[in-house]
Amino acid sequence: MVPRTPTLLAPLVTTVPLQVLAAELDVVPSTATRMCDRLVRKGLIDRTMSRESRREVQLSVTDAGRGVVAVVSRRRRTRIRRIVAAMDPDQRDALVPALHDFARAAGEVPESHWFLGWR
């Protein structure tokens, strides 16, 4: 599995145009196309022609792709939980607001705008 695969699949909660995905990942469209080619071959995403424009393709994640995101997300959450549990309680208390500030400064999309099953 390509290390960036979950990063690529995560924005595909709904069907999106390839150009939008490329912009979201901050890569040129040809790079996004090559990444998607690999994911289509692995059965992790579907690619269809846009109904609005013959020059655009729409991407959507498959059930297998959602499964990959779920597994990787679960593993990451487990690792993060272990690390945070090893921290001093005062450090843990300071970590959450610091991470919120970090995400805000990075322009992270608020959790209320997407969902990957991280509950």
N, C-alpha and C. Protein backbone atom coordinates (compact mmCIF):
# COMPACT_ATOMS: atom_id res chain seq x y z
N MET A 1 0.84 -1.18 0.00
CA MET A 1 0.00 0.00 0.00
C MET A 1 0.88 1.24 0.00
N VAL A 2 0.54 2.19 -0.84
CA VAL A 2 1.26 3.45 -0.93
C VAL A 2 1.01 4.23 0.36
N PRO A 3 2.08 4.76 1.02
CA PRO A 3 1.88 5.47 2.28
C PRO A 3 0.88 6.62 2.20
N ARG A 4 0.78 7.27 1.03
CA ARG A 4 -0.14 8.40 0.91
C ARG A 4 -1.55 7.96 0.57
N THR A 5 -1.78 6.67 0.40
CA THR A 5 -3.10 6.21 -0.03
C THR A 5 -4.22 6.72 0.88
N PRO A 6 -4.13 6.59 2.21
CA PRO A 6 -5.21 7.12 3.04
C PRO A 6 -5.40 8.62 2.85
N THR A 7 -4.30 9.34 2.65
CA THR A 7 -4.39 10.78 2.42
C THR A 7 -5.14 11.06 1.13
N LEU A 8 -4.90 10.24 0.12
CA LEU A 8 -5.57 10.42 -1.16
C LEU A 8 -7.03 10.01 -1.08
N LEU A 9 -7.33 8.96 -0.35
CA LEU A 9 -8.70 8.46 -0.28
C LEU A 9 -9.59 9.30 0.64
N ALA A 10 -9.01 9.89 1.67
CA ALA A 10 -9.81 10.61 2.66
C ALA A 10 -10.71 11.68 2.07
N PRO A 11 -10.24 12.51 1.12
CA PRO A 11 -11.15 13.52 0.57
C PRO A 11 -12.28 12.95 -0.27
N LEU A 12 -12.23 11.67 -0.59
CA LEU A 12 -13.22 11.07 -1.47
C LEU A 12 -14.44 10.54 -0.73
N VAL A 13 -14.82 11.23 0.33
CA VAL A 13 -16.01 10.82 1.06
C VAL A 13 -17.21 10.89 0.11
N THR A 14 -17.18 11.85 -0.80
CA THR A 14 -18.18 11.95 -1.87
C THR A 14 -17.42 11.94 -3.19
N THR A 15 -18.13 11.88 -4.28
CA THR A 15 -17.50 11.90 -5.60
C THR A 15 -16.94 13.30 -5.86
N VAL A 16 -15.68 13.34 -6.33
CA VAL A 16 -15.04 14.64 -6.60
C VAL A 16 -14.35 14.61 -7.96
N PRO A 17 -14.24 15.78 -8.61
CA PRO A 17 -13.48 15.86 -9.85
C PRO A 17 -11.99 15.69 -9.58
N LEU A 18 -11.27 15.12 -10.52
CA LEU A 18 -9.83 14.92 -10.37
C LEU A 18 -9.10 16.24 -10.11
N GLN A 19 -9.50 17.31 -10.78
CA GLN A 19 -8.86 18.62 -10.60
C GLN A 19 -8.98 19.08 -9.14
N VAL A 20 -10.14 18.85 -8.55
CA VAL A 20 -10.36 19.25 -7.16
C VAL A 20 -9.47 18.43 -6.23
N LEU A 21 -9.37 17.13 -6.49
CA LEU A 21 -8.51 16.29 -5.67
C LEU A 21 -7.05 16.72 -5.78
N ALA A 22 -6.60 17.00 -7.00
CA ALA A 22 -5.21 17.45 -7.20
C ALA A 22 -4.95 18.72 -6.40
N ALA A 23 -5.88 19.65 -6.45
CA ALA A 23 -5.72 20.90 -5.69
C ALA A 23 -5.69 20.62 -4.19
N GLU A 24 -6.57 19.73 -3.74
CA GLU A 24 -6.63 19.39 -2.31
C GLU A 24 -5.32 18.78 -1.82
N LEU A 25 -4.70 17.96 -2.68
CA LEU A 25 -3.44 17.30 -2.31
C LEU A 25 -2.21 18.15 -2.63
N ASP A 26 -2.45 19.30 -3.27
CA ASP A 26 -1.37 20.21 -3.65
C ASP A 26 -0.37 19.53 -4.59
N VAL A 27 -0.92 18.83 -5.60
CA VAL A 27 -0.11 18.20 -6.64
C VAL A 27 -0.66 18.62 -7.99
N VAL A 28 0.15 18.47 -9.03
CA VAL A 28 -0.33 18.78 -10.38
C VAL A 28 -1.29 17.68 -10.82
N PRO A 29 -2.23 18.00 -11.71
CA PRO A 29 -3.20 16.99 -12.13
C PRO A 29 -2.60 15.70 -12.68
N SER A 30 -1.46 15.79 -13.38
CA SER A 30 -0.87 14.57 -13.93
C SER A 30 -0.39 13.64 -12.81
N THR A 31 0.11 14.20 -11.74
CA THR A 31 0.51 13.38 -10.58
C THR A 31 -0.71 12.74 -9.94
N ALA A 32 -1.77 13.51 -9.78
CA ALA A 32 -3.00 12.96 -9.22
C ALA A 32 -3.55 11.84 -10.11
N THR A 33 -3.43 12.02 -11.42
CA THR A 33 -3.90 10.99 -12.36
C THR A 33 -3.13 9.70 -12.16
N ARG A 34 -1.80 9.79 -12.05
CA ARG A 34 -0.98 8.58 -11.85
C ARG A 34 -1.32 7.91 -10.52
N MET A 35 -1.52 8.71 -9.49
CA MET A 35 -1.89 8.14 -8.19
C MET A 35 -3.23 7.41 -8.31
N CYS A 36 -4.16 8.04 -9.00
CA CYS A 36 -5.49 7.45 -9.16
C CYS A 36 -5.43 6.19 -10.03
N ASP A 37 -4.57 6.19 -11.04
CA ASP A 37 -4.41 4.99 -11.87
C ASP A 37 -4.07 3.79 -11.00
N ARG A 38 -3.14 3.98 -10.07
CA ARG A 38 -2.75 2.88 -9.18
C ARG A 38 -3.91 2.44 -8.29
N LEU A 39 -4.65 3.43 -7.78
CA LEU A 39 -5.76 3.10 -6.88
C LEU A 39 -6.91 2.42 -7.61
N VAL A 40 -7.13 2.80 -8.88
CA VAL A 40 -8.15 2.13 -9.69
C VAL A 40 -7.74 0.67 -9.91
N ARG A 41 -6.46 0.45 -10.25
CA ARG A 41 -5.99 -0.93 -10.47
C ARG A 41 -6.14 -1.78 -9.22
N LYS A 42 -5.99 -1.17 -8.05
CA LYS A 42 -6.12 -1.91 -6.79
C LYS A 42 -7.57 -2.04 -6.34
N GLY A 43 -8.49 -1.40 -7.06
CA GLY A 43 -9.90 -1.47 -6.71
C GLY A 43 -10.30 -0.59 -5.55
N LEU A 44 -9.50 0.44 -5.25
CA LEU A 44 -9.77 1.31 -4.11
C LEU A 44 -10.61 2.53 -4.47
N ILE A 45 -10.59 2.92 -5.75
CA ILE A 45 -11.45 4.02 -6.21
C ILE A 45 -12.05 3.65 -7.56
N ASP A 46 -13.13 4.33 -7.90
CA ASP A 46 -13.75 4.22 -9.21
C ASP A 46 -13.56 5.56 -9.92
N ARG A 47 -13.39 5.50 -11.23
CA ARG A 47 -13.24 6.71 -12.04
C ARG A 47 -14.29 6.67 -13.14
N THR A 48 -15.09 7.71 -13.23
CA THR A 48 -16.12 7.78 -14.26
C THR A 48 -16.06 9.13 -14.95
N MET A 49 -16.55 9.17 -16.17
CA MET A 49 -16.61 10.43 -16.91
C MET A 49 -17.67 11.32 -16.27
N SER A 50 -17.36 12.60 -16.21
CA SER A 50 -18.31 13.58 -15.68
C SER A 50 -19.48 13.72 -16.64
N ARG A 51 -20.67 13.88 -16.11
CA ARG A 51 -21.85 14.11 -16.94
C ARG A 51 -21.87 15.53 -17.48
N GLU A 52 -21.24 16.46 -16.76
CA GLU A 52 -21.26 17.86 -17.15
C GLU A 52 -20.20 18.20 -18.20
N SER A 53 -19.06 17.51 -18.14
CA SER A 53 -17.96 17.86 -19.04
C SER A 53 -17.20 16.60 -19.44
N ARG A 54 -17.03 16.42 -20.72
CA ARG A 54 -16.29 15.25 -21.21
C ARG A 54 -14.81 15.35 -20.86
N ARG A 55 -14.34 16.52 -20.48
CA ARG A 55 -12.94 16.71 -20.14
C ARG A 55 -12.64 16.39 -18.68
N GLU A 56 -13.67 16.13 -17.89
CA GLU A 56 -13.48 15.86 -16.47
C GLU A 56 -13.84 14.42 -16.13
N VAL A 57 -13.14 13.90 -15.11
CA VAL A 57 -13.51 12.60 -14.57
C VAL A 57 -13.90 12.79 -13.11
N GLN A 58 -14.79 11.94 -12.66
CA GLN A 58 -15.22 11.95 -11.27
C GLN A 58 -14.60 10.75 -10.57
N LEU A 59 -14.18 10.95 -9.34
CA LEU A 59 -13.57 9.89 -8.54
C LEU A 59 -14.44 9.59 -7.33
N SER A 60 -14.56 8.33 -7.01
CA SER A 60 -15.27 7.96 -5.79
C SER A 60 -14.58 6.75 -5.17
N VAL A 61 -14.59 6.71 -3.86
CA VAL A 61 -13.94 5.62 -3.15
C VAL A 61 -14.85 4.40 -3.15
N THR A 62 -14.24 3.22 -3.29
CA THR A 62 -14.99 1.96 -3.27
C THR A 62 -15.11 1.46 -1.83
N ASP A 63 -15.88 0.41 -1.65
CA ASP A 63 -15.97 -0.20 -0.32
C ASP A 63 -14.60 -0.66 0.15
N ALA A 64 -13.81 -1.22 -0.77
CA ALA A 64 -12.45 -1.65 -0.41
C ALA A 64 -11.60 -0.46 0.01
N GLY A 65 -11.75 0.66 -0.68
CA GLY A 65 -11.01 1.87 -0.33
C GLY A 65 -11.40 2.39 1.04
N ARG A 66 -12.71 2.38 1.32
CA ARG A 66 -13.16 2.81 2.65
C ARG A 66 -12.60 1.88 3.72
N GLY A 67 -12.48 0.60 3.39
CA GLY A 67 -11.90 -0.35 4.33
C GLY A 67 -10.44 -0.03 4.63
N VAL A 68 -9.67 0.34 3.61
CA VAL A 68 -8.27 0.71 3.80
C VAL A 68 -8.18 1.93 4.72
N VAL A 69 -9.00 2.94 4.44
CA VAL A 69 -8.98 4.14 5.28
C VAL A 69 -9.33 3.79 6.72
N ALA A 70 -10.32 2.93 6.92
CA ALA A 70 -10.73 2.54 8.27
C ALA A 70 -9.61 1.82 9.01
N VAL A 71 -8.95 0.89 8.33
CA VAL A 71 -7.86 0.13 8.97
C VAL A 71 -6.70 1.05 9.33
N VAL A 72 -6.27 1.88 8.39
CA VAL A 72 -5.15 2.77 8.63
C VAL A 72 -5.50 3.77 9.73
N SER A 73 -6.70 4.30 9.69
CA SER A 73 -7.13 5.26 10.72
C SER A 73 -7.15 4.61 12.10
N ARG A 74 -7.66 3.39 12.16
CA ARG A 74 -7.71 2.66 13.44
C ARG A 74 -6.30 2.44 13.99
N ARG A 75 -5.37 2.03 13.12
CA ARG A 75 -3.98 1.80 13.56
C ARG A 75 -3.35 3.10 14.06
N ARG A 76 -3.58 4.18 13.32
CA ARG A 76 -3.01 5.47 13.74
C ARG A 76 -3.58 5.91 15.08
N ARG A 77 -4.89 5.76 15.26
CA ARG A 77 -5.51 6.14 16.53
C ARG A 77 -4.93 5.33 17.68
N THR A 78 -4.71 4.04 17.46
CA THR A 78 -4.14 3.18 18.49
C THR A 78 -2.74 3.65 18.87
N ARG A 79 -1.93 3.94 17.87
CA ARG A 79 -0.56 4.41 18.15
C ARG A 79 -0.58 5.75 18.88
N ILE A 80 -1.43 6.65 18.45
CA ILE A 80 -1.51 7.97 19.10
C ILE A 80 -1.99 7.81 20.54
N ARG A 81 -2.99 6.95 20.77
CA ARG A 81 -3.47 6.72 22.13
C ARG A 81 -2.34 6.26 23.05
N ARG A 82 -1.51 5.33 22.56
CA ARG A 82 -0.39 4.82 23.37
C ARG A 82 0.60 5.93 23.70
N ILE A 83 0.90 6.75 22.72
CA ILE A 83 1.85 7.85 22.93
C ILE A 83 1.28 8.85 23.94
N VAL A 84 0.03 9.23 23.74
CA VAL A 84 -0.59 10.21 24.64
C VAL A 84 -0.72 9.64 26.06
N ALA A 85 -1.02 8.36 26.17
CA ALA A 85 -1.14 7.73 27.49
C ALA A 85 0.19 7.74 28.24
N ALA A 86 1.29 7.73 27.50
CA ALA A 86 2.62 7.74 28.14
C ALA A 86 3.04 9.13 28.59
N MET A 87 2.29 10.15 28.17
CA MET A 87 2.63 11.52 28.54
C MET A 87 2.22 11.84 29.97
N ASP A 88 2.89 12.79 30.57
CA ASP A 88 2.52 13.32 31.86
C ASP A 88 1.12 13.95 31.73
N PRO A 89 0.26 13.79 32.75
CA PRO A 89 -1.10 14.35 32.66
C PRO A 89 -1.14 15.85 32.34
N ASP A 90 -0.23 16.62 32.89
CA ASP A 90 -0.21 18.06 32.59
C ASP A 90 0.14 18.31 31.12
N GLN A 91 1.05 17.50 30.58
CA GLN A 91 1.39 17.63 29.16
C GLN A 91 0.20 17.26 28.29
N ARG A 92 -0.52 16.22 28.69
CA ARG A 92 -1.72 15.81 27.93
C ARG A 92 -2.75 16.93 27.91
N ASP A 93 -2.95 17.56 29.07
CA ASP A 93 -3.92 18.65 29.14
C ASP A 93 -3.55 19.81 28.22
N ALA A 94 -2.28 20.05 28.05
CA ALA A 94 -1.82 21.13 27.19
C ALA A 94 -1.83 20.72 25.71
N LEU A 95 -1.79 19.43 25.45
CA LEU A 95 -1.69 18.94 24.08
C LEU A 95 -2.93 19.25 23.24
N VAL A 96 -4.11 19.02 23.78
CA VAL A 96 -5.34 19.18 23.00
C VAL A 96 -5.50 20.61 22.48
N PRO A 97 -5.43 21.62 23.33
CA PRO A 97 -5.58 22.98 22.78
C PRO A 97 -4.44 23.33 21.81
N ALA A 98 -3.25 22.81 22.06
CA ALA A 98 -2.14 23.08 21.14
C ALA A 98 -2.40 22.46 19.77
N LEU A 99 -2.94 21.25 19.74
CA LEU A 99 -3.26 20.61 18.47
C LEU A 99 -4.40 21.32 17.74
N HIS A 100 -5.37 21.82 18.49
CA HIS A 100 -6.44 22.60 17.86
C HIS A 100 -5.86 23.86 17.22
N ASP A 101 -4.97 24.54 17.93
CA ASP A 101 -4.33 25.74 17.38
C ASP A 101 -3.50 25.39 16.15
N PHE A 102 -2.78 24.28 16.21
CA PHE A 102 -1.96 23.82 15.09
C PHE A 102 -2.84 23.56 13.86
N ALA A 103 -3.93 22.85 14.06
CA ALA A 103 -4.84 22.52 12.94
C ALA A 103 -5.44 23.79 12.35
N ARG A 104 -5.83 24.72 13.19
CA ARG A 104 -6.40 25.98 12.71
C ARG A 104 -5.37 26.75 11.89
N ALA A 105 -4.14 26.83 12.40
CA ALA A 105 -3.07 27.55 11.70
C ALA A 105 -2.74 26.89 10.36
N ALA A 106 -2.88 25.56 10.29
CA ALA A 106 -2.59 24.83 9.06
C ALA A 106 -3.74 24.89 8.06
N GLY A 107 -4.87 25.47 8.49
CA GLY A 107 -6.03 25.53 7.61
C GLY A 107 -6.77 24.23 7.52
N GLU A 108 -6.64 23.40 8.54
CA GLU A 108 -7.32 22.10 8.57
C GLU A 108 -8.83 22.28 8.52
N VAL A 109 -9.48 21.40 7.79
CA VAL A 109 -10.94 21.43 7.70
C VAL A 109 -11.49 20.97 9.05
N PRO A 110 -12.43 21.74 9.62
CA PRO A 110 -13.01 21.33 10.91
C PRO A 110 -13.67 19.97 10.81
N GLU A 111 -13.62 19.22 11.88
CA GLU A 111 -14.16 17.86 11.90
C GLU A 111 -15.64 17.83 11.52
N SER A 112 -16.35 18.89 11.83
CA SER A 112 -17.78 18.92 11.51
C SER A 112 -18.04 18.89 10.00
N HIS A 113 -16.99 19.15 9.19
CA HIS A 113 -17.15 19.16 7.73
C HIS A 113 -16.80 17.84 7.06
N TRP A 114 -16.29 16.88 7.80
CA TRP A 114 -15.97 15.56 7.23
C TRP A 114 -16.04 14.54 8.34
N PHE A 115 -16.04 13.28 7.94
CA PHE A 115 -16.11 12.20 8.91
C PHE A 115 -15.46 10.95 8.35
N LEU A 116 -14.51 10.40 9.09
CA LEU A 116 -13.85 9.17 8.68
C LEU A 116 -14.06 8.05 9.69
N GLY A 117 -15.01 8.23 10.58
CA GLY A 117 -15.27 7.21 11.57
C GLY A 117 -14.39 7.34 12.81
N TRP A 118 -13.81 8.51 13.01
CA TRP A 118 -12.93 8.73 14.18
C TRP A 118 -13.76 9.13 15.37
N ARG A 119 -14.46 8.21 15.93
CA ARG A 119 -15.28 8.57 17.09
C ARG A 119 -14.88 7.72 18.27
